[in-house]
Amino acid sequence: MKDLDWVGSSRDDVSQFPDVAKKKIGYALRAAQQGLKPDDAKPLRGFGNAQVLQITANVRTDTYRTVYTVQFSDVIYVLHAFQKKSTRGIATPKVELDLLNQRLQEAQVLHRRRGGK
């Protein structure tokens, strides 16, 4: 089973989600730790490959997203968690994408420091 590490405020952000969203995200992250691709995880556009994935949890009229990377063989890094508030379709807002890029770079540094594979 892979380790699970939280980058930035992602753990605190998920803890603020409704229980239904937290449960769905928790199941999906557990599956990812076991080396599986959860049914409700999809590659995040703009990251060039399927190593950055998002889990979407819809609760009533709200949408909650959690983004993680499977780029490393021994650990899953949860990069970001947020409530989607954009009124412009399903696209991830630029401010969220910028933060994701920053946290992906952070995860790469953290992984090197821990001597990861």
PDB file of N, CA and C in Angstrom:
ATOM      1  N   MET A   1       0.842  -1.174   0.000  1.00  0.00           N
ATOM      2  CA  MET A   1       0.000   0.000   0.000  1.00  0.00           C
ATOM      3  C   MET A   1       0.892   1.245   0.000  1.00  0.00           C
ATOM      4  N   LYS A   2       0.549   2.213  -0.837  1.00  0.00           N
ATOM      5  CA  LYS A   2       1.315   3.454  -0.919  1.00  0.00           C
ATOM      6  C   LYS A   2       0.978   4.361   0.255  1.00  0.00           C
ATOM      7  N   ASP A   3       1.971   5.173   0.642  1.00  0.00           N
ATOM      8  CA  ASP A   3       1.726   6.202   1.650  1.00  0.00           C
ATOM      9  C   ASP A   3       0.825   7.274   1.051  1.00  0.00           C
ATOM     10  N   LEU A   4       0.212   8.065   1.924  1.00  0.00           N
ATOM     11  CA  LEU A   4      -0.620   9.190   1.502  1.00  0.00           C
ATOM     12  C   LEU A   4      -0.083  10.427   2.206  1.00  0.00           C
ATOM     13  N   ASP A   5       0.339  11.415   1.429  1.00  0.00           N
ATOM     14  CA  ASP A   5       0.844  12.677   1.977  1.00  0.00           C
ATOM     15  C   ASP A   5      -0.008  13.826   1.470  1.00  0.00           C
ATOM     16  N   TRP A   6      -0.226  14.787   2.334  1.00  0.00           N
ATOM     17  CA  TRP A   6      -1.058  15.951   2.028  1.00  0.00           C
ATOM     18  C   TRP A   6      -0.145  17.149   1.830  1.00  0.00           C
ATOM     19  N   VAL A   7      -0.341  17.890   0.754  1.00  0.00           N
ATOM     20  CA  VAL A   7       0.483  19.056   0.445  1.00  0.00           C
ATOM     21  C   VAL A   7      -0.313  20.320   0.765  1.00  0.00           C
ATOM     22  N   GLY A   8       0.377  21.285   1.362  1.00  0.00           N
ATOM     23  CA  GLY A   8      -0.280  22.555   1.686  1.00  0.00           C
ATOM     24  C   GLY A   8      -1.445  22.347   2.632  1.00  0.00           C
ATOM     25  N   SER A   9      -2.537  23.016   2.353  1.00  0.00           N
ATOM     26  CA  SER A   9      -3.724  22.962   3.219  1.00  0.00           C
ATOM     27  C   SER A   9      -4.730  21.907   2.779  1.00  0.00           C
ATOM     28  N   SER A  10      -4.329  21.003   1.893  1.00  0.00           N
ATOM     29  CA  SER A  10      -5.292  20.064   1.296  1.00  0.00           C
ATOM     30  C   SER A  10      -6.030  19.221   2.340  1.00  0.00           C
ATOM     31  N   ARG A  11      -5.344  18.766   3.362  1.00  0.00           N
ATOM     32  CA  ARG A  11      -6.011  17.941   4.389  1.00  0.00           C
ATOM     33  C   ARG A  11      -7.057  18.766   5.145  1.00  0.00           C
ATOM     34  N   ASP A  12      -6.682  19.971   5.553  1.00  0.00           N
ATOM     35  CA  ASP A  12      -7.624  20.851   6.247  1.00  0.00           C
ATOM     36  C   ASP A  12      -8.807  21.214   5.345  1.00  0.00           C
ATOM     37  N   ASP A  13      -8.522  21.411   4.068  1.00  0.00           N
ATOM     38  CA  ASP A  13      -9.588  21.769   3.126  1.00  0.00           C
ATOM     39  C   ASP A  13     -10.599  20.634   2.994  1.00  0.00           C
ATOM     40  N   VAL A  14     -10.124  19.403   2.868  1.00  0.00           N
ATOM     41  CA  VAL A  14     -11.034  18.256   2.777  1.00  0.00           C
ATOM     42  C   VAL A  14     -11.842  18.120   4.059  1.00  0.00           C
ATOM     43  N   SER A  15     -11.226  18.405   5.189  1.00  0.00           N
ATOM     44  CA  SER A  15     -11.940  18.262   6.466  1.00  0.00           C
ATOM     45  C   SER A  15     -13.130  19.220   6.573  1.00  0.00           C
ATOM     46  N   GLN A  16     -13.144  20.267   5.763  1.00  0.00           N
ATOM     47  CA  GLN A  16     -14.247  21.226   5.771  1.00  0.00           C
ATOM     48  C   GLN A  16     -15.399  20.808   4.848  1.00  0.00           C
ATOM     49  N   PHE A  17     -15.193  19.775   4.036  1.00  0.00           N
ATOM     50  CA  PHE A  17     -16.237  19.312   3.112  1.00  0.00           C
ATOM     51  C   PHE A  17     -17.364  18.639   3.896  1.00  0.00           C
ATOM     52  N   PRO A  18     -18.547  18.556   3.293  1.00  0.00           N
ATOM     53  CA  PRO A  18     -19.638  17.786   3.908  1.00  0.00           C
ATOM     54  C   PRO A  18     -19.230  16.315   4.050  1.00  0.00           C
ATOM     55  N   ASP A  19     -19.817  15.627   5.021  1.00  0.00           N
ATOM     56  CA  ASP A  19     -19.457  14.234   5.289  1.00  0.00           C
ATOM     57  C   ASP A  19     -19.580  13.343   4.064  1.00  0.00           C
ATOM     58  N   VAL A  20     -20.614  13.535   3.260  1.00  0.00           N
ATOM     59  CA  VAL A  20     -20.817  12.704   2.064  1.00  0.00           C
ATOM     60  C   VAL A  20     -19.633  12.856   1.107  1.00  0.00           C
ATOM     61  N   ALA A  21     -19.173  14.081   0.913  1.00  0.00           N
ATOM     62  CA  ALA A  21     -18.031  14.334   0.022  1.00  0.00           C
ATOM     63  C   ALA A  21     -16.755  13.737   0.609  1.00  0.00           C
ATOM     64  N   LYS A  22     -16.542  13.903   1.918  1.00  0.00           N
ATOM     65  CA  LYS A  22     -15.345  13.350   2.566  1.00  0.00           C
ATOM     66  C   LYS A  22     -15.295  11.831   2.424  1.00  0.00           C
ATOM     67  N   LYS A  23     -16.439  11.200   2.572  1.00  0.00           N
ATOM     68  CA  LYS A  23     -16.500   9.738   2.469  1.00  0.00           C
ATOM     69  C   LYS A  23     -16.141   9.268   1.063  1.00  0.00           C
ATOM     70  N   LYS A  24     -16.709   9.917   0.053  1.00  0.00           N
ATOM     71  CA  LYS A  24     -16.427   9.545  -1.330  1.00  0.00           C
ATOM     72  C   LYS A  24     -14.944   9.751  -1.652  1.00  0.00           C
ATOM     73  N   ILE A  25     -14.403  10.858  -1.215  1.00  0.00           N
ATOM     74  CA  ILE A  25     -12.990  11.159  -1.472  1.00  0.00           C
ATOM     75  C   ILE A  25     -12.091  10.175  -0.728  1.00  0.00           C
ATOM     76  N   GLY A  26     -12.458   9.853   0.503  1.00  0.00           N
ATOM     77  CA  GLY A  26     -11.680   8.896   1.286  1.00  0.00           C
ATOM     78  C   GLY A  26     -11.612   7.526   0.636  1.00  0.00           C
ATOM     79  N   TYR A  27     -12.749   7.036   0.137  1.00  0.00           N
ATOM     80  CA  TYR A  27     -12.768   5.739  -0.556  1.00  0.00           C
ATOM     81  C   TYR A  27     -11.886   5.770  -1.808  1.00  0.00           C
ATOM     82  N   ALA A  28     -11.982   6.863  -2.553  1.00  0.00           N
ATOM     83  CA  ALA A  28     -11.198   6.967  -3.790  1.00  0.00           C
ATOM     84  C   ALA A  28      -9.695   7.023  -3.482  1.00  0.00           C
ATOM     85  N   LEU A  29      -9.321   7.786  -2.460  1.00  0.00           N
ATOM     86  CA  LEU A  29      -7.897   7.862  -2.109  1.00  0.00           C
ATOM     87  C   LEU A  29      -7.379   6.528  -1.592  1.00  0.00           C
ATOM     88  N   ARG A  30      -8.191   5.803  -0.854  1.00  0.00           N
ATOM     89  CA  ARG A  30      -7.796   4.470  -0.376  1.00  0.00           C
ATOM     90  C   ARG A  30      -7.549   3.532  -1.559  1.00  0.00           C
ATOM     91  N   ALA A  31      -8.418   3.585  -2.547  1.00  0.00           N
ATOM     92  CA  ALA A  31      -8.231   2.752  -3.741  1.00  0.00           C
ATOM     93  C   ALA A  31      -6.931   3.126  -4.447  1.00  0.00           C
ATOM     94  N   ALA A  32      -6.656   4.429  -4.547  1.00  0.00           N
ATOM     95  CA  ALA A  32      -5.413   4.875  -5.186  1.00  0.00           C
ATOM     96  C   ALA A  32      -4.197   4.375  -4.416  1.00  0.00           C
ATOM     97  N   GLN A  33      -4.272   4.384  -3.094  1.00  0.00           N
ATOM     98  CA  GLN A  33      -3.174   3.866  -2.274  1.00  0.00           C
ATOM     99  C   GLN A  33      -2.926   2.387  -2.548  1.00  0.00           C
ATOM    100  N   GLN A  34      -3.968   1.668  -2.912  1.00  0.00           N
ATOM    101  CA  GLN A  34      -3.861   0.248  -3.201  1.00  0.00           C
ATOM    102  C   GLN A  34      -3.431  -0.015  -4.644  1.00  0.00           C
ATOM    103  N   GLY A  35      -3.131   1.054  -5.371  1.00  0.00           N
ATOM    104  CA  GLY A  35      -2.671   0.913  -6.743  1.00  0.00           C
ATOM    105  C   GLY A  35      -3.784   0.828  -7.769  1.00  0.00           C
ATOM    106  N   LEU A  36      -5.002   1.094  -7.355  1.00  0.00           N
ATOM    107  CA  LEU A  36      -6.154   1.053  -8.255  1.00  0.00           C
ATOM    108  C   LEU A  36      -6.490   2.454  -8.746  1.00  0.00           C
ATOM    109  N   LYS A  37      -7.194   2.529  -9.857  1.00  0.00           N
ATOM    110  CA  LYS A  37      -7.710   3.813 -10.313  1.00  0.00           C
ATOM    111  C   LYS A  37      -9.188   3.843  -9.953  1.00  0.00           C
ATOM    112  N   PRO A  38      -9.548   4.695  -9.013  1.00  0.00           N
ATOM    113  CA  PRO A  38     -10.957   4.768  -8.613  1.00  0.00           C
ATOM    114  C   PRO A  38     -11.859   5.111  -9.798  1.00  0.00           C
ATOM    115  N   ASP A  39     -13.052   4.565  -9.807  1.00  0.00           N
ATOM    116  CA  ASP A  39     -13.996   4.830 -10.899  1.00  0.00           C
ATOM    117  C   ASP A  39     -14.289   6.303 -11.068  1.00  0.00           C
ATOM    118  N   ASP A  40     -14.329   7.041  -9.979  1.00  0.00           N
ATOM    119  CA  ASP A  40     -14.687   8.451 -10.066  1.00  0.00           C
ATOM    120  C   ASP A  40     -13.478   9.385 -10.129  1.00  0.00           C
ATOM    121  N   ALA A  41     -12.281   8.855 -10.384  1.00  0.00           N
ATOM    122  CA  ALA A  41     -11.086   9.677 -10.570  1.00  0.00           C
ATOM    123  C   ALA A  41     -10.815   9.830 -12.062  1.00  0.00           C
ATOM    124  N   LYS A  42     -10.592  11.072 -12.463  1.00  0.00           N
ATOM    125  CA  LYS A  42     -10.343  11.362 -13.882  1.00  0.00           C
ATOM    126  C   LYS A  42      -9.087  12.213 -14.007  1.00  0.00           C
ATOM    127  N   PRO A  43      -8.333  12.025 -15.098  1.00  0.00           N
ATOM    128  CA  PRO A  43      -7.158  12.880 -15.314  1.00  0.00           C
ATOM    129  C   PRO A  43      -7.578  14.349 -15.367  1.00  0.00           C
ATOM    130  N   LEU A  44      -6.766  15.192 -14.768  1.00  0.00           N
ATOM    131  CA  LEU A  44      -7.043  16.618 -14.781  1.00  0.00           C
ATOM    132  C   LEU A  44      -6.457  17.228 -16.047  1.00  0.00           C
ATOM    133  N   ARG A  45      -7.284  17.888 -16.801  1.00  0.00           N
ATOM    134  CA  ARG A  45      -6.826  18.512 -18.053  1.00  0.00           C
ATOM    135  C   ARG A  45      -5.769  19.564 -17.779  1.00  0.00           C
ATOM    136  N   GLY A  46      -4.834  19.660 -18.726  1.00  0.00           N
ATOM    137  CA  GLY A  46      -3.792  20.664 -18.613  1.00  0.00           C
ATOM    138  C   GLY A  46      -2.526  20.167 -17.936  1.00  0.00           C
ATOM    139  N   PHE A  47      -2.520  18.905 -17.522  1.00  0.00           N
ATOM    140  CA  PHE A  47      -1.332  18.358 -16.868  1.00  0.00           C
ATOM    141  C   PHE A  47      -0.662  17.288 -17.719  1.00  0.00           C
ATOM    142  N   GLY A  48      -1.092  17.138 -18.957  1.00  0.00           N
ATOM    143  CA  GLY A  48      -0.388  16.355 -19.950  1.00  0.00           C
ATOM    144  C   GLY A  48      -0.444  14.849 -19.867  1.00  0.00           C
ATOM    145  N   ASN A  49      -0.855  14.280 -18.758  1.00  0.00           N
ATOM    146  CA  ASN A  49      -0.898  12.826 -18.663  1.00  0.00           C
ATOM    147  C   ASN A  49      -1.885  12.425 -17.580  1.00  0.00           C
ATOM    148  N   ALA A  50      -1.934  11.170 -17.298  1.00  0.00           N
ATOM    149  CA  ALA A  50      -2.894  10.670 -16.303  1.00  0.00           C
ATOM    150  C   ALA A  50      -2.256  10.520 -14.928  1.00  0.00           C
ATOM    151  N   GLN A  51      -1.230  11.303 -14.637  1.00  0.00           N
ATOM    152  CA  GLN A  51      -0.586  11.204 -13.332  1.00  0.00           C
ATOM    153  C   GLN A  51      -1.133  12.207 -12.319  1.00  0.00           C
ATOM    154  N   VAL A  52      -1.918  13.172 -12.785  1.00  0.00           N
ATOM    155  CA  VAL A  52      -2.606  14.103 -11.898  1.00  0.00           C
ATOM    156  C   VAL A  52      -4.096  13.870 -12.111  1.00  0.00           C
ATOM    157  N   LEU A  53      -4.754  13.424 -11.048  1.00  0.00           N
ATOM    158  CA  LEU A  53      -6.164  13.038 -11.154  1.00  0.00           C
ATOM    159  C   LEU A  53      -7.022  13.854 -10.208  1.00  0.00           C
ATOM    160  N   GLN A  54      -8.303  13.939 -10.545  1.00  0.00           N
ATOM    161  CA  GLN A  54      -9.237  14.632  -9.670  1.00  0.00           C
ATOM    162  C   GLN A  54     -10.410  13.729  -9.340  1.00  0.00           C
ATOM    163  N   ILE A  55     -10.862  13.873  -8.113  1.00  0.00           N
ATOM    164  CA  ILE A  55     -12.066  13.196  -7.654  1.00  0.00           C
ATOM    165  C   ILE A  55     -13.109  14.300  -7.486  1.00  0.00           C
ATOM    166  N   THR A  56     -14.272  14.088  -8.055  1.00  0.00           N
ATOM    167  CA  THR A  56     -15.341  15.068  -7.939  1.00  0.00           C
ATOM    168  C   THR A  56     -16.469  14.482  -7.118  1.00  0.00           C
ATOM    169  N   ALA A  57     -16.894  15.217  -6.113  1.00  0.00           N
ATOM    170  CA  ALA A  57     -18.018  14.800  -5.277  1.00  0.00           C
ATOM    171  C   ALA A  57     -19.107  15.864  -5.374  1.00  0.00           C
ATOM    172  N   ASN A  58     -20.260  15.466  -5.875  1.00  0.00           N
ATOM    173  CA  ASN A  58     -21.395  16.379  -5.965  1.00  0.00           C
ATOM    174  C   ASN A  58     -22.300  16.153  -4.773  1.00  0.00           C
ATOM    175  N   VAL A  59     -22.562  17.229  -4.040  1.00  0.00           N
ATOM    176  CA  VAL A  59     -23.440  17.177  -2.876  1.00  0.00           C
ATOM    177  C   VAL A  59     -24.481  18.275  -3.062  1.00  0.00           C
ATOM    178  N   ARG A  60     -25.709  17.826  -3.252  1.00  0.00           N
ATOM    179  CA  ARG A  60     -26.810  18.738  -3.581  1.00  0.00           C
ATOM    180  C   ARG A  60     -26.420  19.541  -4.814  1.00  0.00           C
ATOM    181  N   THR A  61     -26.310  20.849  -4.695  1.00  0.00           N
ATOM    182  CA  THR A  61     -25.956  21.658  -5.867  1.00  0.00           C
ATOM    183  C   THR A  61     -24.492  22.086  -5.845  1.00  0.00           C
ATOM    184  N   ASP A  62     -23.718  21.581  -4.894  1.00  0.00           N
ATOM    185  CA  ASP A  62     -22.310  21.959  -4.765  1.00  0.00           C
ATOM    186  C   ASP A  62     -21.392  20.870  -5.306  1.00  0.00           C
ATOM    187  N   THR A  63     -20.235  21.288  -5.801  1.00  0.00           N
ATOM    188  CA  THR A  63     -19.234  20.359  -6.320  1.00  0.00           C
ATOM    189  C   THR A  63     -17.929  20.550  -5.550  1.00  0.00           C
ATOM    190  N   TYR A  64     -17.396  19.450  -5.062  1.00  0.00           N
ATOM    191  CA  TYR A  64     -16.140  19.453  -4.314  1.00  0.00           C
ATOM    192  C   TYR A  64     -15.120  18.637  -5.091  1.00  0.00           C
ATOM    193  N   ARG A  65     -13.919  19.175  -5.210  1.00  0.00           N
ATOM    194  CA  ARG A  65     -12.871  18.486  -5.961  1.00  0.00           C
ATOM    195  C   ARG A  65     -11.641  18.280  -5.090  1.00  0.00           C
ATOM    196  N   THR A  66     -11.041  17.128  -5.274  1.00  0.00           N
ATOM    197  CA  THR A  66      -9.766  16.818  -4.629  1.00  0.00           C
ATOM    198  C   THR A  66      -8.839  16.316  -5.727  1.00  0.00           C
ATOM    199  N   VAL A  67      -7.639  16.882  -5.766  1.00  0.00           N
ATOM    200  CA  VAL A  67      -6.683  16.564  -6.820  1.00  0.00           C
ATOM    201  C   VAL A  67      -5.450  15.928  -6.184  1.00  0.00           C
ATOM    202  N   TYR A  68      -4.989  14.840  -6.797  1.00  0.00           N
ATOM    203  CA  TYR A  68      -3.822  14.132  -6.273  1.00  0.00           C
ATOM    204  C   TYR A  68      -2.956  13.661  -7.431  1.00  0.00           C
ATOM    205  N   THR A  69      -1.724  13.264  -7.100  1.00  0.00           N
ATOM    206  CA  THR A  69      -0.824  12.747  -8.127  1.00  0.00           C
ATOM    207  C   THR A  69      -0.379  11.332  -7.792  1.00  0.00           C
ATOM    208  N   VAL A  70      -0.285  10.531  -8.833  1.00  0.00           N
ATOM    209  CA  VAL A  70       0.233   9.162  -8.727  1.00  0.00           C
ATOM    210  C   VAL A  70       1.572   9.069  -9.455  1.00  0.00           C
ATOM    211  N   GLN A  71       2.230  10.193  -9.562  1.00  0.00           N
ATOM    212  CA  GLN A  71       3.492  10.309 -10.288  1.00  0.00           C
ATOM    213  C   GLN A  71       4.613   9.475  -9.659  1.00  0.00           C
ATOM    214  N   PHE A  72       4.505   9.197  -8.377  1.00  0.00           N
ATOM    215  CA  PHE A  72       5.571   8.505  -7.659  1.00  0.00           C
ATOM    216  C   PHE A  72       5.137   7.088  -7.310  1.00  0.00           C
ATOM    217  N   SER A  73       6.078   6.165  -7.330  1.00  0.00           N
ATOM    218  CA  SER A  73       5.729   4.753  -7.157  1.00  0.00           C
ATOM    219  C   SER A  73       5.360   4.376  -5.724  1.00  0.00           C
ATOM    220  N   ASP A  74       5.794   5.171  -4.745  1.00  0.00           N
ATOM    221  CA  ASP A  74       5.611   4.760  -3.358  1.00  0.00           C
ATOM    222  C   ASP A  74       4.703   5.665  -2.522  1.00  0.00           C
ATOM    223  N   VAL A  75       4.203   6.737  -3.097  1.00  0.00           N
ATOM    224  CA  VAL A  75       3.377   7.667  -2.320  1.00  0.00           C
ATOM    225  C   VAL A  75       2.376   8.398  -3.218  1.00  0.00           C
ATOM    226  N   ILE A  76       1.198   8.649  -2.661  1.00  0.00           N
ATOM    227  CA  ILE A  76       0.174   9.478  -3.299  1.00  0.00           C
ATOM    228  C   ILE A  76       0.237  10.831  -2.610  1.00  0.00           C
ATOM    229  N   TYR A  77       0.381  11.898  -3.383  1.00  0.00           N
ATOM    230  CA  TYR A  77       0.354  13.242  -2.808  1.00  0.00           C
ATOM    231  C   TYR A  77      -0.981  13.887  -3.147  1.00  0.00           C
ATOM    232  N   VAL A  78      -1.711  14.299  -2.111  1.00  0.00           N
ATOM    233  CA  VAL A  78      -2.948  15.049  -2.309  1.00  0.00           C
ATOM    234  C   VAL A  78      -2.536  16.509  -2.432  1.00  0.00           C
ATOM    235  N   LEU A  79      -2.788  17.079  -3.599  1.00  0.00           N
ATOM    236  CA  LEU A  79      -2.278  18.408  -3.911  1.00  0.00           C
ATOM    237  C   LEU A  79      -3.214  19.544  -3.512  1.00  0.00           C
ATOM    238  N   HIS A  80      -4.510  19.318  -3.671  1.00  0.00           N
ATOM    239  CA  HIS A  80      -5.434  20.434  -3.471  1.00  0.00           C
ATOM    240  C   HIS A  80      -6.847  19.897  -3.296  1.00  0.00           C
ATOM    241  N   ALA A  81      -7.643  20.614  -2.537  1.00  0.00           N
ATOM    242  CA  ALA A  81      -9.054  20.283  -2.358  1.00  0.00           C
ATOM    243  C   ALA A  81      -9.815  21.596  -2.283  1.00  0.00           C
ATOM    244  N   PHE A  82     -10.895  21.686  -3.038  1.00  0.00           N
ATOM    245  CA  PHE A  82     -11.625  22.944  -3.089  1.00  0.00           C
ATOM    246  C   PHE A  82     -13.063  22.726  -3.523  1.00  0.00           C
ATOM    247  N   GLN A  83     -13.894  23.699  -3.199  1.00  0.00           N
ATOM    248  CA  GLN A  83     -15.268  23.694  -3.684  1.00  0.00           C
ATOM    249  C   GLN A  83     -15.283  24.505  -4.961  1.00  0.00           C
ATOM    250  N   LYS A  84     -15.788  23.899  -6.021  1.00  0.00           N
ATOM    251  CA  LYS A  84     -15.845  24.595  -7.303  1.00  0.00           C
ATOM    252  C   LYS A  84     -16.967  25.612  -7.247  1.00  0.00           C
ATOM    253  N   LYS A  85     -16.617  26.859  -7.537  1.00  0.00           N
ATOM    254  CA  LYS A  85     -17.599  27.931  -7.475  1.00  0.00           C
ATOM    255  C   LYS A  85     -17.777  28.626  -8.809  1.00  0.00           C
ATOM    256  N   SER A  86     -17.047  28.192  -9.819  1.00  0.00           N
ATOM    257  CA  SER A  86     -17.128  28.823 -11.128  1.00  0.00           C
ATOM    258  C   SER A  86     -18.512  28.636 -11.727  1.00  0.00           C
ATOM    259  N   THR A  87     -18.979  29.644 -12.392  1.00  0.00           N
ATOM    260  CA  THR A  87     -20.265  29.544 -13.082  1.00  0.00           C
ATOM    261  C   THR A  87     -20.060  29.271 -14.568  1.00  0.00           C
ATOM    262  N   ARG A  88     -18.830  29.048 -14.962  1.00  0.00           N
ATOM    263  CA  ARG A  88     -18.507  28.833 -16.378  1.00  0.00           C
ATOM    264  C   ARG A  88     -18.227  27.373 -16.681  1.00  0.00           C
ATOM    265  N   GLY A  89     -19.209  26.544 -16.594  1.00  0.00           N
ATOM    266  CA  GLY A  89     -19.065  25.142 -16.960  1.00  0.00           C
ATOM    267  C   GLY A  89     -18.210  24.351 -16.003  1.00  0.00           C
ATOM    268  N   ILE A  90     -17.569  23.307 -16.546  1.00  0.00           N
ATOM    269  CA  ILE A  90     -16.819  22.382 -15.698  1.00  0.00           C
ATOM    270  C   ILE A  90     -15.333  22.707 -15.597  1.00  0.00           C
ATOM    271  N   ALA A  91     -14.876  23.722 -16.315  1.00  0.00           N
ATOM    272  CA  ALA A  91     -13.453  24.048 -16.326  1.00  0.00           C
ATOM    273  C   ALA A  91     -12.966  24.426 -14.934  1.00  0.00           C
ATOM    274  N   THR A  92     -11.748  23.995 -14.624  1.00  0.00           N
ATOM    275  CA  THR A  92     -11.122  24.360 -13.353  1.00  0.00           C
ATOM    276  C   THR A  92     -10.610  25.794 -13.469  1.00  0.00           C
ATOM    277  N   PRO A  93     -10.969  26.661 -12.533  1.00  0.00           N
ATOM    278  CA  PRO A  93     -10.526  28.058 -12.593  1.00  0.00           C
ATOM    279  C   PRO A  93      -9.003  28.178 -12.603  1.00  0.00           C
ATOM    280  N   LYS A  94      -8.497  29.207 -13.290  1.00  0.00           N
ATOM    281  CA  LYS A  94      -7.059  29.413 -13.444  1.00  0.00           C
ATOM    282  C   LYS A  94      -6.353  29.540 -12.094  1.00  0.00           C
ATOM    283  N   VAL A  95      -6.952  30.221 -11.142  1.00  0.00           N
ATOM    284  CA  VAL A  95      -6.320  30.380  -9.830  1.00  0.00           C
ATOM    285  C   VAL A  95      -6.099  29.020  -9.173  1.00  0.00           C
ATOM    286  N   GLU A  96      -7.021  28.092  -9.368  1.00  0.00           N
ATOM    287  CA  GLU A  96      -6.862  26.740  -8.817  1.00  0.00           C
ATOM    288  C   GLU A  96      -5.772  25.983  -9.562  1.00  0.00           C
ATOM    289  N   LEU A  97      -5.712  26.133 -10.883  1.00  0.00           N
ATOM    290  CA  LEU A  97      -4.671  25.467 -11.674  1.00  0.00           C
ATOM    291  C   LEU A  97      -3.277  25.974 -11.297  1.00  0.00           C
ATOM    292  N   ASP A  98      -3.164  27.288 -11.070  1.00  0.00           N
ATOM    293  CA  ASP A  98      -1.875  27.852 -10.653  1.00  0.00           C
ATOM    294  C   ASP A  98      -1.433  27.270  -9.319  1.00  0.00           C
ATOM    295  N   LEU A  99      -2.367  27.165  -8.380  1.00  0.00           N
ATOM    296  CA  LEU A  99      -2.049  26.580  -7.082  1.00  0.00           C
ATOM    297  C   LEU A  99      -1.675  25.106  -7.230  1.00  0.00           C
ATOM    298  N   LEU A 100      -2.364  24.402  -8.108  1.00  0.00           N
ATOM    299  CA  LEU A 100      -2.037  22.987  -8.352  1.00  0.00           C
ATOM    300  C   LEU A 100      -0.623  22.829  -8.896  1.00  0.00           C
ATOM    301  N   ASN A 101      -0.249  23.670  -9.835  1.00  0.00           N
ATOM    302  CA  ASN A 101       1.112  23.617 -10.383  1.00  0.00           C
ATOM    303  C   ASN A 101       2.146  23.860  -9.289  1.00  0.00           C
ATOM    304  N   GLN A 102       1.888  24.839  -8.439  1.00  0.00           N
ATOM    305  CA  GLN A 102       2.798  25.150  -7.336  1.00  0.00           C
ATOM    306  C   GLN A 102       2.908  23.959  -6.382  1.00  0.00           C
ATOM    307  N   ARG A 103       1.783  23.350  -6.065  1.00  0.00           N
ATOM    308  CA  ARG A 103       1.804  22.229  -5.113  1.00  0.00           C
ATOM    309  C   ARG A 103       2.391  20.962  -5.729  1.00  0.00           C
ATOM    310  N   LEU A 104       2.254  20.790  -7.030  1.00  0.00           N
ATOM    311  CA  LEU A 104       2.893  19.650  -7.686  1.00  0.00           C
ATOM    312  C   LEU A 104       4.410  19.795  -7.590  1.00  0.00           C
ATOM    313  N   GLN A 105       4.900  21.006  -7.790  1.00  0.00           N
ATOM    314  CA  GLN A 105       6.336  21.249  -7.629  1.00  0.00           C
ATOM    315  C   GLN A 105       6.764  21.010  -6.178  1.00  0.00           C
ATOM    316  N   GLU A 106       5.934  21.440  -5.228  1.00  0.00           N
ATOM    317  CA  GLU A 106       6.200  21.184  -3.808  1.00  0.00           C
ATOM    318  C   GLU A 106       6.293  19.690  -3.528  1.00  0.00           C
ATOM    319  N   ALA A 107       5.372  18.922  -4.101  1.00  0.00           N
ATOM    320  CA  ALA A 107       5.361  17.469  -3.901  1.00  0.00           C
ATOM    321  C   ALA A 107       6.642  16.846  -4.446  1.00  0.00           C
ATOM    322  N   GLN A 108       7.117  17.347  -5.573  1.00  0.00           N
ATOM    323  CA  GLN A 108       8.353  16.814  -6.144  1.00  0.00           C
ATOM    324  C   GLN A 108       9.534  17.075  -5.215  1.00  0.00           C
ATOM    325  N   VAL A 109       9.580  18.264  -4.616  1.00  0.00           N
ATOM    326  CA  VAL A 109      10.644  18.594  -3.661  1.00  0.00           C
ATOM    327  C   VAL A 109      10.526  17.716  -2.407  1.00  0.00           C
ATOM    328  N   LEU A 110       9.318  17.602  -1.873  1.00  0.00           N
ATOM    329  CA  LEU A 110       9.097  16.753  -0.696  1.00  0.00           C
ATOM    330  C   LEU A 110       9.524  15.308  -0.973  1.00  0.00           C
ATOM    331  N   HIS A 111       9.222  14.846  -2.156  1.00  0.00           N
ATOM    332  CA  HIS A 111       9.541  13.461  -2.502  1.00  0.00           C
ATOM    333  C   HIS A 111      11.049  13.247  -2.582  1.00  0.00           C
ATOM    334  N   ARG A 112      11.743  14.201  -3.157  1.00  0.00           N
ATOM    335  CA  ARG A 112      13.222  14.103  -3.212  1.00  0.00           C
ATOM    336  C   ARG A 112      13.808  14.104  -1.801  1.00  0.00           C
ATOM    337  N   ARG A 113      13.266  14.949  -0.933  1.00  0.00           N
ATOM    338  CA  ARG A 113      13.760  15.033   0.451  1.00  0.00           C
ATOM    339  C   ARG A 113      13.562  13.747   1.220  1.00  0.00           C
ATOM    340  N   ARG A 114      12.477  13.065   0.940  1.00  0.00           N
ATOM    341  CA  ARG A 114      12.223  11.820   1.669  1.00  0.00           C
ATOM    342  C   ARG A 114      12.928  10.639   1.015  1.00  0.00           C
ATOM    343  N   GLY A 115      13.691  10.912  -0.047  1.00  0.00           N
ATOM    344  CA  GLY A 115      14.464   9.861  -0.703  1.00  0.00           C
ATOM    345  C   GLY A 115      13.589   8.893  -1.478  1.00  0.00           C
ATOM    346  N   GLY A 116      12.473   9.394  -1.982  1.00  0.00           N
ATOM    347  CA  GLY A 116      11.527   8.552  -2.691  1.00  0.00           C
ATOM    348  C   GLY A 116      11.988   8.073  -4.040  1.00  0.00           C
ATOM    349  N   LYS A 117      11.247   7.087  -4.522  1.00  0.00           N
ATOM    350  CA  LYS A 117      11.562   6.459  -5.813  1.00  0.00           C
ATOM    351  C   LYS A 117      10.847   7.177  -6.931  1.00  0.00           C
TER     352      LYS A 117
END
